[in-house]
């Protein structure tokens, strides 16, 4: 069941992050990702980097320390879950990369 949910998360992430209608696919840049500030930074810069992140890095199995080194501190964290905001619509968060940990390693992730 967990494996099925993980596959669904990955498929959802791929569908949600596929560039459409003029939105360009950007390469993942760890420094640009970490420099992103809410909500004053380029509104969708993180969202556009997600396909590059998934193409360049296998998140599943990474330790928390490795993820934080790659992505910086999350915008929100609670009980084994880190949330990185991806974009804003006005003053509200309109997308997040949610990373779930079990035993200190990434066990799953999703775009919400």
PDB file of N, CA and C in Angstrom:
ATOM      1  N   UNK A   1       0.824  -1.198   0.000  1.00  0.00           N
ATOM      2  CA  UNK A   1       0.000   0.000   0.000  1.00  0.00           C
ATOM      3  C   UNK A   1       0.872   1.267   0.000  1.00  0.00           C
ATOM      4  N   UNK A   2       1.935   1.276   0.836  1.00  0.00           N
ATOM      5  CA  UNK A   2       2.816   2.440   0.885  1.00  0.00           C
ATOM      6  C   UNK A   2       3.482   2.671  -0.471  1.00  0.00           C
ATOM      7  N   UNK A   3       3.872   1.579  -1.113  1.00  0.00           N
ATOM      8  CA  UNK A   3       4.527   1.684  -2.422  1.00  0.00           C
ATOM      9  C   UNK A   3       3.555   2.280  -3.450  1.00  0.00           C
ATOM     10  N   UNK A   4       2.293   1.865  -3.398  1.00  0.00           N
ATOM     11  CA  UNK A   4       1.286   2.399  -4.317  1.00  0.00           C
ATOM     12  C   UNK A   4       1.108   3.896  -4.090  1.00  0.00           C
ATOM     13  N   UNK A   5       1.033   4.305  -2.831  1.00  0.00           N
ATOM     14  CA  UNK A   5       0.892   5.730  -2.519  1.00  0.00           C
ATOM     15  C   UNK A   5       2.099   6.524  -3.009  1.00  0.00           C
ATOM     16  N   UNK A   6       3.301   5.958  -2.842  1.00  0.00           N
ATOM     17  CA  UNK A   6       4.504   6.627  -3.319  1.00  0.00           C
ATOM     18  C   UNK A   6       4.442   6.813  -4.833  1.00  0.00           C
ATOM     19  N   UNK A   7       4.031   5.771  -5.556  1.00  0.00           N
ATOM     20  CA  UNK A   7       3.909   5.884  -7.008  1.00  0.00           C
ATOM     21  C   UNK A   7       2.891   6.953  -7.398  1.00  0.00           C
ATOM     22  N   UNK A   8       1.775   7.004  -6.669  1.00  0.00           N
ATOM     23  CA  UNK A   8       0.767   8.032  -6.950  1.00  0.00           C
ATOM     24  C   UNK A   8       1.324   9.433  -6.701  1.00  0.00           C
ATOM     25  N   UNK A   9       2.115   9.594  -5.633  1.00  0.00           N
ATOM     26  CA  UNK A   9       2.738  10.883  -5.347  1.00  0.00           C
ATOM     27  C   UNK A   9       3.667  11.299  -6.486  1.00  0.00           C
ATOM     28  N   UNK A  10       4.472  10.380  -6.939  1.00  0.00           N
ATOM     29  CA  UNK A  10       5.429  10.682  -8.011  1.00  0.00           C
ATOM     30  C   UNK A  10       4.695  11.047  -9.292  1.00  0.00           C
ATOM     31  N   UNK A  11       3.669  10.281  -9.633  1.00  0.00           N
ATOM     32  CA  UNK A  11       2.893  10.577 -10.844  1.00  0.00           C
ATOM     33  C   UNK A  11       2.237  11.950 -10.730  1.00  0.00           C
ATOM     34  N   UNK A  12       1.662  12.244  -9.574  1.00  0.00           N
ATOM     35  CA  UNK A  12       1.039  13.554  -9.356  1.00  0.00           C
ATOM     36  C   UNK A  12       2.061  14.665  -9.491  1.00  0.00           C
ATOM     37  N   UNK A  13       3.236  14.461  -8.910  1.00  0.00           N
ATOM     38  CA  UNK A  13       4.290  15.474  -9.002  1.00  0.00           C
ATOM     39  C   UNK A  13       4.692  15.710 -10.456  1.00  0.00           C
ATOM     40  N   UNK A  14       4.816  14.641 -11.216  1.00  0.00           N
ATOM     41  CA  UNK A  14       5.197  14.783 -12.627  1.00  0.00           C
ATOM     42  C   UNK A  14       4.127  15.528 -13.418  1.00  0.00           C
ATOM     43  N   UNK A  15       2.880  15.213 -13.161  1.00  0.00           N
ATOM     44  CA  UNK A  15       1.790  15.880 -13.877  1.00  0.00           C
ATOM     45  C   UNK A  15       1.709  17.350 -13.482  1.00  0.00           C
ATOM     46  N   UNK A  16       1.792  17.619 -12.177  1.00  0.00           N
ATOM     47  CA  UNK A  16       1.666  18.996 -11.690  1.00  0.00           C
ATOM     48  C   UNK A  16       2.829  19.868 -12.135  1.00  0.00           C
ATOM     49  N   UNK A  17       3.971  19.282 -12.331  1.00  0.00           N
ATOM     50  CA  UNK A  17       5.162  20.072 -12.621  1.00  0.00           C
ATOM     51  C   UNK A  17       5.532  20.099 -14.090  1.00  0.00           C
ATOM     52  N   UNK A  18       4.686  19.530 -14.942  1.00  0.00           N
ATOM     53  CA  UNK A  18       4.961  19.560 -16.367  1.00  0.00           C
ATOM     54  C   UNK A  18       4.673  20.961 -16.885  1.00  0.00           C
ATOM     55  N   UNK A  19       5.646  21.604 -17.526  1.00  0.00           N
ATOM     56  CA  UNK A  19       5.429  22.952 -18.038  1.00  0.00           C
ATOM     57  C   UNK A  19       4.310  22.975 -19.075  1.00  0.00           C
ATOM     58  N   UNK A  20       3.481  23.997 -18.999  1.00  0.00           N
ATOM     59  CA  UNK A  20       2.375  24.159 -19.936  1.00  0.00           C
ATOM     60  C   UNK A  20       2.315  25.603 -20.415  1.00  0.00           C
ATOM     61  N   UNK A  21       1.921  25.772 -21.624  1.00  0.00           N
ATOM     62  CA  UNK A  21       1.589  27.079 -22.158  1.00  0.00           C
ATOM     63  C   UNK A  21       2.519  28.211 -21.795  1.00  0.00           C
ATOM     64  N   UNK A  22       3.768  28.159 -22.206  1.00  0.00           N
ATOM     65  CA  UNK A  22       4.661  29.282 -22.017  1.00  0.00           C
ATOM     66  C   UNK A  22       5.464  29.268 -20.740  1.00  0.00           C
ATOM     67  N   UNK A  23       5.192  28.315 -19.843  1.00  0.00           N
ATOM     68  CA  UNK A  23       5.983  28.230 -18.629  1.00  0.00           C
ATOM     69  C   UNK A  23       7.217  27.413 -18.959  1.00  0.00           C
ATOM     70  N   UNK A  24       8.381  27.993 -18.761  1.00  0.00           N
ATOM     71  CA  UNK A  24       9.604  27.295 -19.142  1.00  0.00           C
ATOM     72  C   UNK A  24      10.093  26.401 -18.013  1.00  0.00           C
ATOM     73  N   UNK A  25      10.685  25.310 -18.405  1.00  0.00           N
ATOM     74  CA  UNK A  25      11.277  24.375 -17.475  1.00  0.00           C
ATOM     75  C   UNK A  25      12.670  24.889 -17.121  1.00  0.00           C
ATOM     76  N   UNK A  26      12.920  25.135 -15.844  1.00  0.00           N
ATOM     77  CA  UNK A  26      14.214  25.645 -15.423  1.00  0.00           C
ATOM     78  C   UNK A  26      15.026  24.527 -14.796  1.00  0.00           C
ATOM     79  N   UNK A  27      16.326  24.597 -14.959  1.00  0.00           N
ATOM     80  CA  UNK A  27      17.202  23.667 -14.280  1.00  0.00           C
ATOM     81  C   UNK A  27      17.152  23.955 -12.789  1.00  0.00           C
ATOM     82  N   UNK A  28      17.372  22.920 -11.998  1.00  0.00           N
ATOM     83  CA  UNK A  28      17.405  23.099 -10.554  1.00  0.00           C
ATOM     84  C   UNK A  28      18.697  23.785 -10.153  1.00  0.00           C
ATOM     85  N   UNK A  29      18.595  24.848  -9.379  1.00  0.00           N
ATOM     86  CA  UNK A  29      19.746  25.584  -8.868  1.00  0.00           C
ATOM     87  C   UNK A  29      19.610  25.665  -7.346  1.00  0.00           C
ATOM     88  N   UNK A  30      20.407  24.872  -6.605  1.00  0.00           N
ATOM     89  CA  UNK A  30      20.273  24.863  -5.145  1.00  0.00           C
ATOM     90  C   UNK A  30      20.403  26.242  -4.508  1.00  0.00           C
ATOM     91  N   UNK A  31      21.292  27.080  -5.026  1.00  0.00           N
ATOM     92  CA  UNK A  31      21.473  28.413  -4.439  1.00  0.00           C
ATOM     93  C   UNK A  31      20.251  29.295  -4.682  1.00  0.00           C
ATOM     94  N   UNK A  32      19.682  29.228  -5.880  1.00  0.00           N
ATOM     95  CA  UNK A  32      18.466  29.992  -6.184  1.00  0.00           C
ATOM     96  C   UNK A  32      17.309  29.493  -5.323  1.00  0.00           C
ATOM     97  N   UNK A  33      17.211  28.167  -5.168  1.00  0.00           N
ATOM     98  CA  UNK A  33      16.150  27.571  -4.344  1.00  0.00           C
ATOM     99  C   UNK A  33      16.258  28.096  -2.912  1.00  0.00           C
ATOM    100  N   UNK A  34      17.458  28.064  -2.347  1.00  0.00           N
ATOM    101  CA  UNK A  34      17.657  28.489  -0.961  1.00  0.00           C
ATOM    102  C   UNK A  34      17.462  29.997  -0.787  1.00  0.00           C
ATOM    103  N   UNK A  35      17.721  30.783  -1.834  1.00  0.00           N
ATOM    104  CA  UNK A  35      17.602  32.241  -1.759  1.00  0.00           C
ATOM    105  C   UNK A  35      16.160  32.719  -1.855  1.00  0.00           C
ATOM    106  N   UNK A  36      15.247  31.831  -2.233  1.00  0.00           N
ATOM    107  CA  UNK A  36      13.835  32.194  -2.415  1.00  0.00           C
ATOM    108  C   UNK A  36      13.263  32.723  -1.111  1.00  0.00           C
ATOM    109  N   UNK A  37      12.590  33.852  -1.187  1.00  0.00           N
ATOM    110  CA  UNK A  37      11.975  34.453  -0.008  1.00  0.00           C
ATOM    111  C   UNK A  37      10.485  34.574  -0.230  1.00  0.00           C
ATOM    112  N   UNK A  38       9.743  34.337   0.800  1.00  0.00           N
ATOM    113  CA  UNK A  38       8.299  34.378   0.684  1.00  0.00           C
ATOM    114  C   UNK A  38       7.771  35.774   0.963  1.00  0.00           C
ATOM    115  N   UNK A  39       6.771  36.291   0.331  1.00  0.00           N
ATOM    116  CA  UNK A  39       6.362  36.058  -1.042  1.00  0.00           C
ATOM    117  C   UNK A  39       7.008  37.058  -2.004  1.00  0.00           C
ATOM    118  N   UNK A  40       8.097  37.683  -1.579  1.00  0.00           N
ATOM    119  CA  UNK A  40       8.681  38.757  -2.381  1.00  0.00           C
ATOM    120  C   UNK A  40       9.520  38.277  -3.560  1.00  0.00           C
ATOM    121  N   UNK A  41      10.001  37.034  -3.519  1.00  0.00           N
ATOM    122  CA  UNK A  41      10.858  36.533  -4.593  1.00  0.00           C
ATOM    123  C   UNK A  41      10.017  36.247  -5.838  1.00  0.00           C
ATOM    124  N   UNK A  42      10.672  35.965  -6.930  1.00  0.00           N
ATOM    125  CA  UNK A  42       9.956  35.635  -8.156  1.00  0.00           C
ATOM    126  C   UNK A  42       8.901  34.588  -7.831  1.00  0.00           C
ATOM    127  N   UNK A  43       7.661  34.920  -8.073  1.00  0.00           N
ATOM    128  CA  UNK A  43       6.519  34.152  -7.587  1.00  0.00           C
ATOM    129  C   UNK A  43       6.594  32.655  -7.848  1.00  0.00           C
ATOM    130  N   UNK A  44       7.047  32.229  -9.012  1.00  0.00           N
ATOM    131  CA  UNK A  44       7.018  30.811  -9.349  1.00  0.00           C
ATOM    132  C   UNK A  44       8.393  30.196  -9.547  1.00  0.00           C
ATOM    133  N   UNK A  45       9.461  30.839  -9.107  1.00  0.00           N
ATOM    134  CA  UNK A  45      10.796  30.338  -9.426  1.00  0.00           C
ATOM    135  C   UNK A  45      11.037  28.925  -8.893  1.00  0.00           C
ATOM    136  N   UNK A  46      10.584  28.617  -7.696  1.00  0.00           N
ATOM    137  CA  UNK A  46      10.757  27.260  -7.172  1.00  0.00           C
ATOM    138  C   UNK A  46       9.900  26.267  -7.949  1.00  0.00           C
ATOM    139  N   UNK A  47       8.676  26.630  -8.247  1.00  0.00           N
ATOM    140  CA  UNK A  47       7.781  25.726  -8.978  1.00  0.00           C
ATOM    141  C   UNK A  47       8.418  25.328 -10.305  1.00  0.00           C
ATOM    142  N   UNK A  48       9.050  26.256 -10.978  1.00  0.00           N
ATOM    143  CA  UNK A  48       9.661  25.963 -12.278  1.00  0.00           C
ATOM    144  C   UNK A  48      10.910  25.092 -12.147  1.00  0.00           C
ATOM    145  N   UNK A  49      11.527  25.072 -10.966  1.00  0.00           N
ATOM    146  CA  UNK A  49      12.731  24.264 -10.765  1.00  0.00           C
ATOM    147  C   UNK A  49      12.431  22.817 -10.369  1.00  0.00           C
ATOM    148  N   UNK A  50      11.194  22.511  -9.985  1.00  0.00           N
ATOM    149  CA  UNK A  50      10.863  21.168  -9.497  1.00  0.00           C
ATOM    150  C   UNK A  50      11.187  20.069 -10.506  1.00  0.00           C
ATOM    151  N   UNK A  51      10.828  20.197 -11.795  1.00  0.00           N
ATOM    152  CA  UNK A  51      11.198  19.123 -12.732  1.00  0.00           C
ATOM    153  C   UNK A  51      12.711  18.898 -12.793  1.00  0.00           C
ATOM    154  N   UNK A  52      13.487  19.963 -12.734  1.00  0.00           N
ATOM    155  CA  UNK A  52      14.938  19.839 -12.731  1.00  0.00           C
ATOM    156  C   UNK A  52      15.441  19.161 -11.462  1.00  0.00           C
ATOM    157  N   UNK A  53      14.813  19.470 -10.330  1.00  0.00           N
ATOM    158  CA  UNK A  53      15.161  18.823  -9.062  1.00  0.00           C
ATOM    159  C   UNK A  53      14.937  17.327  -9.160  1.00  0.00           C
ATOM    160  N   UNK A  54      13.744  16.922  -9.645  1.00  0.00           N
ATOM    161  CA  UNK A  54      13.418  15.502  -9.743  1.00  0.00           C
ATOM    162  C   UNK A  54      14.295  14.783 -10.759  1.00  0.00           C
ATOM    163  N   UNK A  55      14.704  15.484 -11.806  1.00  0.00           N
ATOM    164  CA  UNK A  55      15.567  14.867 -12.826  1.00  0.00           C
ATOM    165  C   UNK A  55      16.999  14.684 -12.327  1.00  0.00           C
ATOM    166  N   UNK A  56      17.456  15.604 -11.493  1.00  0.00           N
ATOM    167  CA  UNK A  56      18.860  15.589 -11.070  1.00  0.00           C
ATOM    168  C   UNK A  56      19.114  14.824  -9.768  1.00  0.00           C
ATOM    169  N   UNK A  57      18.078  14.669  -8.921  1.00  0.00           N
ATOM    170  CA  UNK A  57      18.281  14.073  -7.602  1.00  0.00           C
ATOM    171  C   UNK A  57      17.215  13.040  -7.296  1.00  0.00           C
ATOM    172  N   UNK A  58      17.631  11.951  -6.682  1.00  0.00           N
ATOM    173  CA  UNK A  58      16.718  10.930  -6.180  1.00  0.00           C
ATOM    174  C   UNK A  58      16.475  11.252  -4.706  1.00  0.00           C
ATOM    175  N   UNK A  59      15.348  11.855  -4.406  1.00  0.00           N
ATOM    176  CA  UNK A  59      15.066  12.268  -3.027  1.00  0.00           C
ATOM    177  C   UNK A  59      14.823  11.081  -2.106  1.00  0.00           C
ATOM    178  N   UNK A  60      14.104  10.073  -2.594  1.00  0.00           N
ATOM    179  CA  UNK A  60      13.779   8.924  -1.759  1.00  0.00           C
ATOM    180  C   UNK A  60      15.065   8.273  -1.264  1.00  0.00           C
ATOM    181  N   UNK A  61      15.141   8.117   0.061  1.00  0.00           N
ATOM    182  CA  UNK A  61      16.315   7.509   0.673  1.00  0.00           C
ATOM    183  C   UNK A  61      17.339   8.514   1.180  1.00  0.00           C
ATOM    184  N   UNK A  62      17.236   9.779   0.760  1.00  0.00           N
ATOM    185  CA  UNK A  62      18.168  10.794   1.258  1.00  0.00           C
ATOM    186  C   UNK A  62      17.905  11.045   2.742  1.00  0.00           C
ATOM    187  N   UNK A  63      18.959  11.378   3.475  1.00  0.00           N
ATOM    188  CA  UNK A  63      18.799  11.720   4.893  1.00  0.00           C
ATOM    189  C   UNK A  63      18.264  13.145   5.005  1.00  0.00           C
ATOM    190  N   UNK A  64      17.727  13.477   6.187  1.00  0.00           N
ATOM    191  CA  UNK A  64      17.261  14.852   6.427  1.00  0.00           C
ATOM    192  C   UNK A  64      18.399  15.838   6.208  1.00  0.00           C
ATOM    193  N   UNK A  65      19.570  15.480   6.701  1.00  0.00           N
ATOM    194  CA  UNK A  65      20.729  16.366   6.580  1.00  0.00           C
ATOM    195  C   UNK A  65      21.058  16.625   5.109  1.00  0.00           C
ATOM    196  N   UNK A  66      21.003  15.594   4.269  1.00  0.00           N
ATOM    197  CA  UNK A  66      21.280  15.751   2.837  1.00  0.00           C
ATOM    198  C   UNK A  66      20.234  16.652   2.175  1.00  0.00           C
ATOM    199  N   UNK A  67      18.975  16.473   2.552  1.00  0.00           N
ATOM    200  CA  UNK A  67      17.908  17.293   1.974  1.00  0.00           C
ATOM    201  C   UNK A  67      18.085  18.757   2.371  1.00  0.00           C
ATOM    202  N   UNK A  68      18.364  19.003   3.645  1.00  0.00           N
ATOM    203  CA  UNK A  68      18.538  20.383   4.111  1.00  0.00           C
ATOM    204  C   UNK A  68      19.772  21.013   3.461  1.00  0.00           C
ATOM    205  N   UNK A  69      20.813  20.233   3.246  1.00  0.00           N
ATOM    206  CA  UNK A  69      21.995  20.761   2.558  1.00  0.00           C
ATOM    207  C   UNK A  69      21.641  21.144   1.124  1.00  0.00           C
ATOM    208  N   UNK A  70      20.800  20.344   0.462  1.00  0.00           N
ATOM    209  CA  UNK A  70      20.405  20.592  -0.919  1.00  0.00           C
ATOM    210  C   UNK A  70      19.377  21.718  -1.041  1.00  0.00           C
ATOM    211  N   UNK A  71      18.340  21.695  -0.193  1.00  0.00           N
ATOM    212  CA  UNK A  71      17.203  22.612  -0.337  1.00  0.00           C
ATOM    213  C   UNK A  71      17.159  23.729   0.700  1.00  0.00           C
ATOM    214  N   UNK A  72      17.994  23.650   1.722  1.00  0.00           N
ATOM    215  CA  UNK A  72      17.916  24.626   2.800  1.00  0.00           C
ATOM    216  C   UNK A  72      16.865  24.222   3.814  1.00  0.00           C
ATOM    217  N   UNK A  73      16.663  25.055   4.804  1.00  0.00           N
ATOM    218  CA  UNK A  73      15.653  24.775   5.830  1.00  0.00           C
ATOM    219  C   UNK A  73      14.260  24.870   5.220  1.00  0.00           C
ATOM    220  N   UNK A  74      13.349  23.983   5.609  1.00  0.00           N
ATOM    221  CA  UNK A  74      11.994  24.044   5.065  1.00  0.00           C
ATOM    222  C   UNK A  74      11.236  25.261   5.598  1.00  0.00           C
ATOM    223  N   UNK A  75      10.193  25.641   4.886  1.00  0.00           N
ATOM    224  CA  UNK A  75       9.348  26.738   5.350  1.00  0.00           C
ATOM    225  C   UNK A  75       8.504  26.320   6.538  1.00  0.00           C
ATOM    226  N   UNK A  76       8.238  25.016   6.622  1.00  0.00           N
ATOM    227  CA  UNK A  76       7.397  24.486   7.690  1.00  0.00           C
ATOM    228  C   UNK A  76       7.818  23.050   7.955  1.00  0.00           C
ATOM    229  N   UNK A  77       7.900  22.668   9.209  1.00  0.00           N
ATOM    230  CA  UNK A  77       8.188  21.270   9.525  1.00  0.00           C
ATOM    231  C   UNK A  77       7.435  20.852  10.778  1.00  0.00           C
ATOM    232  N   UNK A  78       6.980  19.602  10.754  1.00  0.00           N
ATOM    233  CA  UNK A  78       6.262  19.024  11.883  1.00  0.00           C
ATOM    234  C   UNK A  78       6.337  17.505  11.790  1.00  0.00           C
ATOM    235  N   UNK A  79       6.688  16.858  12.866  1.00  0.00           N
ATOM    236  CA  UNK A  79       6.663  15.400  13.012  1.00  0.00           C
ATOM    237  C   UNK A  79       6.993  14.610  11.744  1.00  0.00           C
ATOM    238  N   UNK A  80       8.203  14.702  11.282  1.00  0.00           N
ATOM    239  CA  UNK A  80       8.643  13.889  10.161  1.00  0.00           C
ATOM    240  C   UNK A  80       8.213  14.371   8.797  1.00  0.00           C
ATOM    241  N   UNK A  81       7.739  15.615   8.704  1.00  0.00           N
ATOM    242  CA  UNK A  81       7.315  16.175   7.421  1.00  0.00           C
ATOM    243  C   UNK A  81       7.932  17.564   7.253  1.00  0.00           C
ATOM    244  N   UNK A  82       8.558  17.781   6.111  1.00  0.00           N
ATOM    245  CA  UNK A  82       9.079  19.106   5.751  1.00  0.00           C
ATOM    246  C   UNK A  82       8.259  19.628   4.582  1.00  0.00           C
ATOM    247  N   UNK A  83       7.937  20.925   4.623  1.00  0.00           N
ATOM    248  CA  UNK A  83       7.184  21.559   3.538  1.00  0.00           C
ATOM    249  C   UNK A  83       7.982  22.747   3.012  1.00  0.00           C
ATOM    250  N   UNK A  84       8.222  22.723   1.689  1.00  0.00           N
ATOM    251  CA  UNK A  84       8.900  23.827   0.998  1.00  0.00           C
ATOM    252  C   UNK A  84       7.878  24.511   0.103  1.00  0.00           C
ATOM    253  N   UNK A  85       7.628  25.795   0.336  1.00  0.00           N
ATOM    254  CA  UNK A  85       6.683  26.526  -0.486  1.00  0.00           C
ATOM    255  C   UNK A  85       7.251  26.706  -1.887  1.00  0.00           C
ATOM    256  N   UNK A  86       6.394  26.557  -2.892  1.00  0.00           N
ATOM    257  CA  UNK A  86       6.820  26.649  -4.285  1.00  0.00           C
ATOM    258  C   UNK A  86       6.402  27.941  -4.948  1.00  0.00           C
ATOM    259  N   UNK A  87       5.224  28.447  -4.622  1.00  0.00           N
ATOM    260  CA  UNK A  87       4.754  29.667  -5.267  1.00  0.00           C
ATOM    261  C   UNK A  87       3.649  30.305  -4.439  1.00  0.00           C
ATOM    262  N   UNK A  88       3.321  31.506  -4.821  1.00  0.00           N
ATOM    263  CA  UNK A  88       2.267  32.266  -4.160  1.00  0.00           C
ATOM    264  C   UNK A  88       1.266  32.748  -5.187  1.00  0.00           C
ATOM    265  N   UNK A  89       0.037  32.859  -4.756  1.00  0.00           N
ATOM    266  CA  UNK A  89      -1.013  33.511  -5.526  1.00  0.00           C
ATOM    267  C   UNK A  89      -1.495  34.632  -4.619  1.00  0.00           C
ATOM    268  N   UNK A  90      -1.080  35.836  -4.951  1.00  0.00           N
ATOM    269  CA  UNK A  90      -1.344  36.962  -4.055  1.00  0.00           C
ATOM    270  C   UNK A  90      -0.501  36.779  -2.801  1.00  0.00           C
ATOM    271  N   UNK A  91      -1.135  36.737  -1.652  1.00  0.00           N
ATOM    272  CA  UNK A  91      -0.430  36.545  -0.380  1.00  0.00           C
ATOM    273  C   UNK A  91      -0.519  35.108   0.115  1.00  0.00           C
ATOM    274  N   UNK A  92      -1.149  34.205  -0.643  1.00  0.00           N
ATOM    275  CA  UNK A  92      -1.356  32.836  -0.184  1.00  0.00           C
ATOM    276  C   UNK A  92      -0.439  31.848  -0.904  1.00  0.00           C
ATOM    277  N   UNK A  93       0.010  30.852  -0.167  1.00  0.00           N
ATOM    278  CA  UNK A  93       0.819  29.779  -0.754  1.00  0.00           C
ATOM    279  C   UNK A  93      -0.064  28.999  -1.715  1.00  0.00           C
ATOM    280  N   UNK A  94       0.434  28.768  -2.940  1.00  0.00           N
ATOM    281  CA  UNK A  94      -0.372  28.029  -3.915  1.00  0.00           C
ATOM    282  C   UNK A  94       0.303  26.742  -4.367  1.00  0.00           C
ATOM    283  N   UNK A  95       1.342  26.326  -3.681  1.00  0.00           N
ATOM    284  CA  UNK A  95       1.980  25.063  -3.998  1.00  0.00           C
ATOM    285  C   UNK A  95       3.101  24.772  -3.026  1.00  0.00           C
ATOM    286  N   UNK A  96       3.285  23.494  -2.719  1.00  0.00           N
ATOM    287  CA  UNK A  96       4.330  23.086  -1.790  1.00  0.00           C
ATOM    288  C   UNK A  96       4.918  21.749  -2.207  1.00  0.00           C
ATOM    289  N   UNK A  97       6.206  21.589  -1.932  1.00  0.00           N
ATOM    290  CA  UNK A  97       6.857  20.285  -2.010  1.00  0.00           C
ATOM    291  C   UNK A  97       6.843  19.749  -0.590  1.00  0.00           C
ATOM    292  N   UNK A  98       6.161  18.635  -0.386  1.00  0.00           N
ATOM    293  CA  UNK A  98       6.039  18.033   0.936  1.00  0.00           C
ATOM    294  C   UNK A  98       6.897  16.772   0.952  1.00  0.00           C
ATOM    295  N   UNK A  99       7.820  16.708   1.908  1.00  0.00           N
ATOM    296  CA  UNK A  99       8.733  15.565   2.022  1.00  0.00           C
ATOM    297  C   UNK A  99       8.472  14.872   3.347  1.00  0.00           C
ATOM    298  N   UNK A 100       8.222  13.575   3.261  1.00  0.00           N
ATOM    299  CA  UNK A 100       7.939  12.768   4.453  1.00  0.00           C
ATOM    300  C   UNK A 100       9.159  11.908   4.787  1.00  0.00           C
ATOM    301  N   UNK A 101       9.482  11.828   6.088  1.00  0.00           N
ATOM    302  CA  UNK A 101      10.635  11.071   6.558  1.00  0.00           C
ATOM    303  C   UNK A 101      10.196   9.920   7.452  1.00  0.00           C
ATOM    304  N   UNK A 102      10.880   8.800   7.323  1.00  0.00           N
ATOM    305  CA  UNK A 102      10.752   7.686   8.260  1.00  0.00           C
ATOM    306  C   UNK A 102      12.164   7.254   8.606  1.00  0.00           C
ATOM    307  N   UNK A 103      12.428   7.124   9.892  1.00  0.00           N
ATOM    308  CA  UNK A 103      13.762   6.748  10.378  1.00  0.00           C
ATOM    309  C   UNK A 103      14.856   7.675   9.831  1.00  0.00           C
ATOM    310  N   UNK A 104      14.538   8.961   9.708  1.00  0.00           N
ATOM    311  CA  UNK A 104      15.527   9.956   9.302  1.00  0.00           C
ATOM    312  C   UNK A 104      15.839  10.013   7.817  1.00  0.00           C
ATOM    313  N   UNK A 105      15.085   9.256   7.010  1.00  0.00           N
ATOM    314  CA  UNK A 105      15.320   9.234   5.545  1.00  0.00           C
ATOM    315  C   UNK A 105      14.014   9.520   4.818  1.00  0.00           C
ATOM    316  N   UNK A 106      14.141  10.109   3.620  1.00  0.00           N
ATOM    317  CA  UNK A 106      12.958  10.422   2.818  1.00  0.00           C
ATOM    318  C   UNK A 106      12.254   9.120   2.443  1.00  0.00           C
ATOM    319  N   UNK A 107      10.979   9.049   2.824  1.00  0.00           N
ATOM    320  CA  UNK A 107      10.182   7.871   2.490  1.00  0.00           C
ATOM    321  C   UNK A 107       9.145   8.189   1.419  1.00  0.00           C
ATOM    322  N   UNK A 108       8.930   9.462   1.165  1.00  0.00           N
ATOM    323  CA  UNK A 108       7.967   9.864   0.148  1.00  0.00           C
ATOM    324  C   UNK A 108       7.928  11.369   0.027  1.00  0.00           C
ATOM    325  N   UNK A 109       7.380  11.833  -1.088  1.00  0.00           N
ATOM    326  CA  UNK A 109       7.247  13.268  -1.313  1.00  0.00           C
ATOM    327  C   UNK A 109       6.092  13.501  -2.263  1.00  0.00           C
ATOM    328  N   UNK A 110       5.570  14.706  -2.248  1.00  0.00           N
ATOM    329  CA  UNK A 110       4.442  15.043  -3.100  1.00  0.00           C
ATOM    330  C   UNK A 110       4.398  16.539  -3.323  1.00  0.00           C
ATOM    331  N   UNK A 111       3.749  16.930  -4.400  1.00  0.00           N
ATOM    332  CA  UNK A 111       3.485  18.333  -4.672  1.00  0.00           C
ATOM    333  C   UNK A 111       2.024  18.588  -4.304  1.00  0.00           C
ATOM    334  N   UNK A 112       1.782  19.576  -3.461  1.00  0.00           N
ATOM    335  CA  UNK A 112       0.410  19.918  -3.053  1.00  0.00           C
ATOM    336  C   UNK A 112       0.126  21.331  -3.442  1.00  0.00           C
TER     337      UNK A 112
END
